[in-house]
Amino acid sequence: MKEQITYDDFDKIDIRVGTVISVKKNEKARKPSLVIKVDFGKEIGIKQSSAQITHYYNEDNLKGKQVVGICNFPEKNIAGIVSQVLILGSIDKEGKVILIHPSQESENGLPIA
C-alpha cells in the first residue's frame, strides 16, 4: 500500500468521466500505444492522451466508450504526442491495463468523488 494521504490531497485531483471520440496508433512510440481523444464536457473540453493499452483496446472497441481520467496533470510529451489527461485503469500481473469506466452511461465531465 502507498503512503496515506489526506482528503485535502485527494480533493486536489480532478477526476472526470469522458467519452472517447477518436483513437489512432501512436506510430512514434517505442512501446505499442494509442493516441486517444476524450470529450470531458463543456467545462474541460476535449483532451488527448497517449496510452499503452493495446493489449485489450483498439479503435473498434474503444471509440464511444466512457472512461475515467485525471484532468489536471500538466501536459507531458510522450513520443511526440502532447498528453493532457491520464486515463485510469487497473494493471494486471502481466502489466496489461484494464480501463475503469462507469457502470452506466454518465454525462461527460461529471466529477468522480
N, C-alpha and C. Protein backbone atom coordinates (compact mmCIF):
# COMPACT_ATOMS: atom_id res chain seq x y z
N MET A 1 0.84 -1.18 0.00
CA MET A 1 0.00 0.00 0.00
C MET A 1 0.89 1.24 0.00
N LYS A 2 0.42 2.28 -0.67
CA LYS A 2 1.17 3.53 -0.71
C LYS A 2 0.93 4.34 0.55
N GLU A 3 1.70 5.40 0.67
CA GLU A 3 1.59 6.32 1.80
C GLU A 3 0.17 6.90 1.89
N GLN A 4 -0.34 7.04 3.10
CA GLN A 4 -1.67 7.63 3.29
C GLN A 4 -1.65 9.10 2.90
N ILE A 5 -2.77 9.56 2.35
CA ILE A 5 -2.92 10.97 2.03
C ILE A 5 -4.13 11.50 2.78
N THR A 6 -4.26 12.81 2.80
CA THR A 6 -5.41 13.42 3.45
C THR A 6 -6.52 13.64 2.42
N TYR A 7 -7.70 13.95 2.92
CA TYR A 7 -8.79 14.28 2.00
C TYR A 7 -8.42 15.51 1.17
N ASP A 8 -7.72 16.46 1.78
CA ASP A 8 -7.29 17.65 1.04
C ASP A 8 -6.38 17.28 -0.13
N ASP A 9 -5.51 16.27 0.06
CA ASP A 9 -4.66 15.79 -1.04
C ASP A 9 -5.53 15.23 -2.17
N PHE A 10 -6.48 14.38 -1.82
CA PHE A 10 -7.37 13.77 -2.80
C PHE A 10 -8.20 14.83 -3.52
N ASP A 11 -8.64 15.83 -2.79
CA ASP A 11 -9.51 16.87 -3.33
C ASP A 11 -8.82 17.71 -4.41
N LYS A 12 -7.51 17.67 -4.47
CA LYS A 12 -6.75 18.42 -5.49
C LYS A 12 -6.81 17.73 -6.85
N ILE A 13 -7.16 16.44 -6.88
CA ILE A 13 -7.17 15.67 -8.12
C ILE A 13 -8.52 15.83 -8.80
N ASP A 14 -8.50 16.29 -10.06
CA ASP A 14 -9.72 16.49 -10.83
C ASP A 14 -9.96 15.26 -11.71
N ILE A 15 -10.79 14.34 -11.21
CA ILE A 15 -11.09 13.09 -11.90
C ILE A 15 -12.48 13.22 -12.51
N ARG A 16 -12.58 12.97 -13.81
CA ARG A 16 -13.84 13.16 -14.53
C ARG A 16 -14.16 11.98 -15.45
N VAL A 17 -15.42 11.89 -15.82
CA VAL A 17 -15.90 10.93 -16.81
C VAL A 17 -15.90 11.60 -18.17
N GLY A 18 -15.45 10.87 -19.19
CA GLY A 18 -15.48 11.38 -20.55
C GLY A 18 -15.73 10.27 -21.54
N THR A 19 -16.02 10.65 -22.78
CA THR A 19 -16.28 9.69 -23.84
C THR A 19 -15.18 9.76 -24.89
N VAL A 20 -14.65 8.61 -25.26
CA VAL A 20 -13.60 8.53 -26.28
C VAL A 20 -14.22 8.91 -27.63
N ILE A 21 -13.61 9.92 -28.30
CA ILE A 21 -14.14 10.35 -29.59
C ILE A 21 -13.24 9.95 -30.76
N SER A 22 -11.95 9.68 -30.48
CA SER A 22 -11.08 9.18 -31.55
C SER A 22 -9.93 8.38 -30.97
N VAL A 23 -9.45 7.45 -31.78
CA VAL A 23 -8.36 6.55 -31.38
C VAL A 23 -7.48 6.31 -32.60
N LYS A 24 -6.17 6.42 -32.44
CA LYS A 24 -5.25 6.03 -33.51
C LYS A 24 -3.96 5.53 -32.88
N LYS A 25 -3.19 4.78 -33.63
CA LYS A 25 -1.92 4.27 -33.13
C LYS A 25 -0.93 5.43 -33.00
N ASN A 26 -0.11 5.38 -31.95
CA ASN A 26 1.00 6.34 -31.82
C ASN A 26 2.20 5.70 -32.51
N GLU A 27 2.41 6.05 -33.75
CA GLU A 27 3.45 5.44 -34.57
C GLU A 27 4.86 5.73 -34.07
N LYS A 28 5.04 6.82 -33.32
CA LYS A 28 6.38 7.21 -32.85
C LYS A 28 6.77 6.55 -31.53
N ALA A 29 5.82 5.95 -30.84
CA ALA A 29 6.09 5.36 -29.53
C ALA A 29 6.94 4.09 -29.66
N ARG A 30 7.88 3.91 -28.71
CA ARG A 30 8.70 2.69 -28.70
C ARG A 30 7.88 1.48 -28.33
N LYS A 31 6.98 1.63 -27.36
CA LYS A 31 6.07 0.55 -26.97
C LYS A 31 4.72 0.83 -27.62
N PRO A 32 4.00 -0.22 -28.02
CA PRO A 32 2.70 0.00 -28.66
C PRO A 32 1.79 0.89 -27.81
N SER A 33 1.30 1.96 -28.41
CA SER A 33 0.47 2.93 -27.71
C SER A 33 -0.62 3.46 -28.63
N LEU A 34 -1.66 3.98 -28.01
CA LEU A 34 -2.76 4.61 -28.73
C LEU A 34 -2.84 6.08 -28.36
N VAL A 35 -3.15 6.92 -29.34
CA VAL A 35 -3.47 8.32 -29.09
C VAL A 35 -4.99 8.39 -29.00
N ILE A 36 -5.46 8.82 -27.85
CA ILE A 36 -6.89 8.81 -27.57
C ILE A 36 -7.35 10.23 -27.28
N LYS A 37 -8.44 10.66 -27.93
CA LYS A 37 -9.06 11.95 -27.63
C LYS A 37 -10.36 11.66 -26.90
N VAL A 38 -10.53 12.38 -25.77
CA VAL A 38 -11.68 12.15 -24.89
C VAL A 38 -12.43 13.47 -24.69
N ASP A 39 -13.75 13.42 -24.83
CA ASP A 39 -14.61 14.58 -24.58
C ASP A 39 -15.01 14.57 -23.10
N PHE A 40 -14.51 15.56 -22.37
CA PHE A 40 -14.84 15.69 -20.95
C PHE A 40 -15.90 16.76 -20.69
N GLY A 41 -16.70 17.11 -21.68
CA GLY A 41 -17.79 18.06 -21.49
C GLY A 41 -17.36 19.50 -21.67
N LYS A 42 -18.34 20.41 -21.50
CA LYS A 42 -18.12 21.84 -21.76
C LYS A 42 -17.02 22.46 -20.91
N GLU A 43 -16.99 22.17 -19.63
CA GLU A 43 -16.04 22.82 -18.72
C GLU A 43 -14.59 22.43 -19.02
N ILE A 44 -14.33 21.17 -19.27
CA ILE A 44 -12.98 20.66 -19.50
C ILE A 44 -12.64 20.63 -20.99
N GLY A 45 -13.57 20.21 -21.82
CA GLY A 45 -13.35 20.12 -23.25
C GLY A 45 -12.74 18.78 -23.66
N ILE A 46 -12.12 18.79 -24.83
CA ILE A 46 -11.50 17.57 -25.38
C ILE A 46 -10.03 17.54 -25.00
N LYS A 47 -9.60 16.41 -24.46
CA LYS A 47 -8.20 16.23 -24.08
C LYS A 47 -7.70 14.95 -24.73
N GLN A 48 -6.38 14.92 -24.98
CA GLN A 48 -5.81 13.72 -25.58
C GLN A 48 -4.76 13.09 -24.67
N SER A 49 -4.55 11.81 -24.91
CA SER A 49 -3.59 11.04 -24.13
C SER A 49 -2.91 10.02 -25.02
N SER A 50 -1.68 9.70 -24.71
CA SER A 50 -1.01 8.56 -25.33
C SER A 50 -0.96 7.48 -24.26
N ALA A 51 -1.58 6.34 -24.56
CA ALA A 51 -1.75 5.30 -23.54
C ALA A 51 -1.29 3.94 -24.06
N GLN A 52 -0.55 3.23 -23.21
CA GLN A 52 -0.08 1.88 -23.54
C GLN A 52 -1.15 0.87 -23.12
N ILE A 53 -2.21 0.82 -23.92
CA ILE A 53 -3.35 -0.04 -23.57
C ILE A 53 -3.73 -0.97 -24.73
N THR A 54 -2.76 -1.28 -25.59
CA THR A 54 -3.07 -2.04 -26.81
C THR A 54 -3.33 -3.53 -26.60
N HIS A 55 -3.10 -4.05 -25.40
CA HIS A 55 -3.36 -5.48 -25.17
C HIS A 55 -4.85 -5.79 -25.31
N TYR A 56 -5.68 -4.90 -24.79
CA TYR A 56 -7.12 -5.15 -24.80
C TYR A 56 -7.92 -4.17 -25.65
N TYR A 57 -7.30 -3.06 -26.08
CA TYR A 57 -8.07 -1.99 -26.71
C TYR A 57 -7.52 -1.59 -28.07
N ASN A 58 -8.45 -1.17 -28.94
CA ASN A 58 -8.13 -0.65 -30.26
C ASN A 58 -9.24 0.32 -30.65
N GLU A 59 -9.15 0.87 -31.86
CA GLU A 59 -10.15 1.86 -32.29
C GLU A 59 -11.56 1.28 -32.28
N ASP A 60 -11.69 0.03 -32.68
CA ASP A 60 -13.03 -0.57 -32.79
C ASP A 60 -13.73 -0.72 -31.45
N ASN A 61 -13.01 -1.11 -30.40
CA ASN A 61 -13.69 -1.35 -29.12
C ASN A 61 -13.54 -0.21 -28.12
N LEU A 62 -12.84 0.87 -28.51
CA LEU A 62 -12.63 1.97 -27.58
C LEU A 62 -13.42 3.22 -27.95
N LYS A 63 -13.59 3.48 -29.24
CA LYS A 63 -14.32 4.67 -29.67
C LYS A 63 -15.76 4.60 -29.18
N GLY A 64 -16.21 5.68 -28.53
CA GLY A 64 -17.56 5.73 -27.97
C GLY A 64 -17.65 5.24 -26.54
N LYS A 65 -16.60 4.61 -26.03
CA LYS A 65 -16.59 4.08 -24.67
C LYS A 65 -16.34 5.21 -23.67
N GLN A 66 -16.99 5.14 -22.54
CA GLN A 66 -16.72 6.12 -21.48
C GLN A 66 -15.55 5.64 -20.63
N VAL A 67 -14.72 6.60 -20.24
CA VAL A 67 -13.53 6.32 -19.43
C VAL A 67 -13.48 7.33 -18.29
N VAL A 68 -12.55 7.09 -17.38
CA VAL A 68 -12.33 7.98 -16.25
C VAL A 68 -10.89 8.48 -16.35
N GLY A 69 -10.71 9.79 -16.18
CA GLY A 69 -9.36 10.33 -16.33
C GLY A 69 -9.06 11.46 -15.34
N ILE A 70 -7.78 11.62 -15.06
CA ILE A 70 -7.31 12.75 -14.24
C ILE A 70 -7.04 13.89 -15.20
N CYS A 71 -7.75 14.99 -15.02
CA CYS A 71 -7.75 16.08 -15.99
C CYS A 71 -6.84 17.25 -15.62
N ASN A 72 -6.26 17.25 -14.43
CA ASN A 72 -5.48 18.43 -14.04
C ASN A 72 -3.99 18.16 -13.84
N PHE A 73 -3.45 17.14 -14.51
CA PHE A 73 -2.00 16.98 -14.57
C PHE A 73 -1.45 17.96 -15.60
N PRO A 74 -0.20 18.40 -15.45
CA PRO A 74 0.38 19.23 -16.51
C PRO A 74 0.58 18.40 -17.78
N GLU A 75 0.58 19.08 -18.93
CA GLU A 75 0.80 18.39 -20.19
C GLU A 75 2.18 17.74 -20.19
N LYS A 76 2.27 16.59 -20.90
CA LYS A 76 3.52 15.85 -20.96
C LYS A 76 3.71 15.34 -22.39
N ASN A 77 4.92 15.48 -22.93
CA ASN A 77 5.21 14.99 -24.27
C ASN A 77 5.59 13.51 -24.17
N ILE A 78 4.78 12.68 -24.82
CA ILE A 78 5.04 11.24 -24.83
C ILE A 78 5.17 10.81 -26.29
N ALA A 79 6.38 10.53 -26.69
CA ALA A 79 6.67 10.07 -28.06
C ALA A 79 6.06 11.00 -29.11
N GLY A 80 6.24 12.31 -28.92
CA GLY A 80 5.76 13.28 -29.88
C GLY A 80 4.30 13.66 -29.75
N ILE A 81 3.61 13.12 -28.77
CA ILE A 81 2.20 13.43 -28.53
C ILE A 81 2.10 14.22 -27.23
N VAL A 82 1.34 15.32 -27.26
CA VAL A 82 1.09 16.08 -26.03
C VAL A 82 -0.02 15.36 -25.28
N SER A 83 0.34 14.76 -24.16
CA SER A 83 -0.63 14.03 -23.33
C SER A 83 -1.19 15.00 -22.30
N GLN A 84 -2.51 15.16 -22.29
CA GLN A 84 -3.17 16.14 -21.44
C GLN A 84 -4.01 15.54 -20.34
N VAL A 85 -4.16 14.23 -20.34
CA VAL A 85 -5.02 13.56 -19.36
C VAL A 85 -4.45 12.17 -19.10
N LEU A 86 -4.61 11.68 -17.87
CA LEU A 86 -4.22 10.32 -17.53
C LEU A 86 -5.50 9.50 -17.43
N ILE A 87 -5.67 8.57 -18.36
CA ILE A 87 -6.84 7.70 -18.35
C ILE A 87 -6.56 6.58 -17.36
N LEU A 88 -7.52 6.33 -16.47
CA LEU A 88 -7.30 5.40 -15.36
C LEU A 88 -7.69 3.97 -15.70
N GLY A 89 -6.91 3.06 -15.16
CA GLY A 89 -7.19 1.64 -15.32
C GLY A 89 -6.45 0.85 -14.26
N SER A 90 -6.85 -0.39 -14.11
CA SER A 90 -6.11 -1.28 -13.22
C SER A 90 -5.04 -1.98 -14.04
N ILE A 91 -3.99 -2.42 -13.39
CA ILE A 91 -2.87 -3.06 -14.08
C ILE A 91 -2.77 -4.49 -13.56
N ASP A 92 -2.93 -5.46 -14.47
CA ASP A 92 -2.89 -6.85 -14.05
C ASP A 92 -1.44 -7.33 -13.83
N LYS A 93 -1.28 -8.58 -13.43
CA LYS A 93 0.04 -9.13 -13.08
C LYS A 93 1.01 -9.10 -14.25
N GLU A 94 0.50 -9.08 -15.48
CA GLU A 94 1.35 -9.07 -16.66
C GLU A 94 1.61 -7.65 -17.17
N GLY A 95 1.09 -6.65 -16.44
CA GLY A 95 1.30 -5.26 -16.84
C GLY A 95 0.30 -4.74 -17.85
N LYS A 96 -0.74 -5.50 -18.12
CA LYS A 96 -1.78 -5.07 -19.07
C LYS A 96 -2.80 -4.21 -18.35
N VAL A 97 -3.22 -3.13 -19.01
CA VAL A 97 -4.15 -2.17 -18.41
C VAL A 97 -5.59 -2.54 -18.75
N ILE A 98 -6.44 -2.52 -17.71
CA ILE A 98 -7.87 -2.74 -17.86
C ILE A 98 -8.54 -1.43 -17.45
N LEU A 99 -9.15 -0.73 -18.42
CA LEU A 99 -9.70 0.59 -18.15
C LEU A 99 -10.84 0.58 -17.15
N ILE A 100 -10.92 1.67 -16.40
CA ILE A 100 -12.03 1.89 -15.46
C ILE A 100 -13.08 2.70 -16.20
N HIS A 101 -14.34 2.32 -16.05
CA HIS A 101 -15.41 3.07 -16.69
C HIS A 101 -16.67 3.00 -15.84
N PRO A 102 -17.59 3.96 -16.05
CA PRO A 102 -18.84 3.94 -15.27
C PRO A 102 -19.67 2.70 -15.60
N SER A 103 -20.44 2.23 -14.63
CA SER A 103 -21.27 1.05 -14.85
C SER A 103 -22.52 1.38 -15.67
N GLN A 104 -22.84 2.65 -15.78
CA GLN A 104 -23.91 3.09 -16.67
C GLN A 104 -23.50 4.40 -17.31
N GLU A 105 -24.12 4.76 -18.42
CA GLU A 105 -23.72 5.96 -19.14
C GLU A 105 -23.87 7.19 -18.25
N SER A 106 -22.85 8.05 -18.30
CA SER A 106 -22.81 9.26 -17.49
C SER A 106 -22.61 10.46 -18.39
N GLU A 107 -22.98 11.61 -17.89
CA GLU A 107 -22.76 12.86 -18.61
C GLU A 107 -21.25 13.15 -18.65
N ASN A 108 -20.73 13.53 -19.82
CA ASN A 108 -19.32 13.88 -19.93
C ASN A 108 -18.99 15.04 -18.99
N GLY A 109 -17.87 14.89 -18.29
CA GLY A 109 -17.40 15.94 -17.39
C GLY A 109 -17.82 15.78 -15.95
N LEU A 110 -18.69 14.81 -15.65
CA LEU A 110 -19.08 14.64 -14.25
C LEU A 110 -17.87 14.27 -13.41
N PRO A 111 -17.72 14.92 -12.24
CA PRO A 111 -16.57 14.62 -11.38
C PRO A 111 -16.74 13.29 -10.66
N ILE A 112 -15.61 12.66 -10.37
CA ILE A 112 -15.58 11.42 -9.60
C ILE A 112 -15.26 11.79 -8.15
N ALA A 113 -16.02 11.24 -7.23
CA ALA A 113 -15.82 11.54 -5.81
C ALA A 113 -15.65 10.25 -5.04
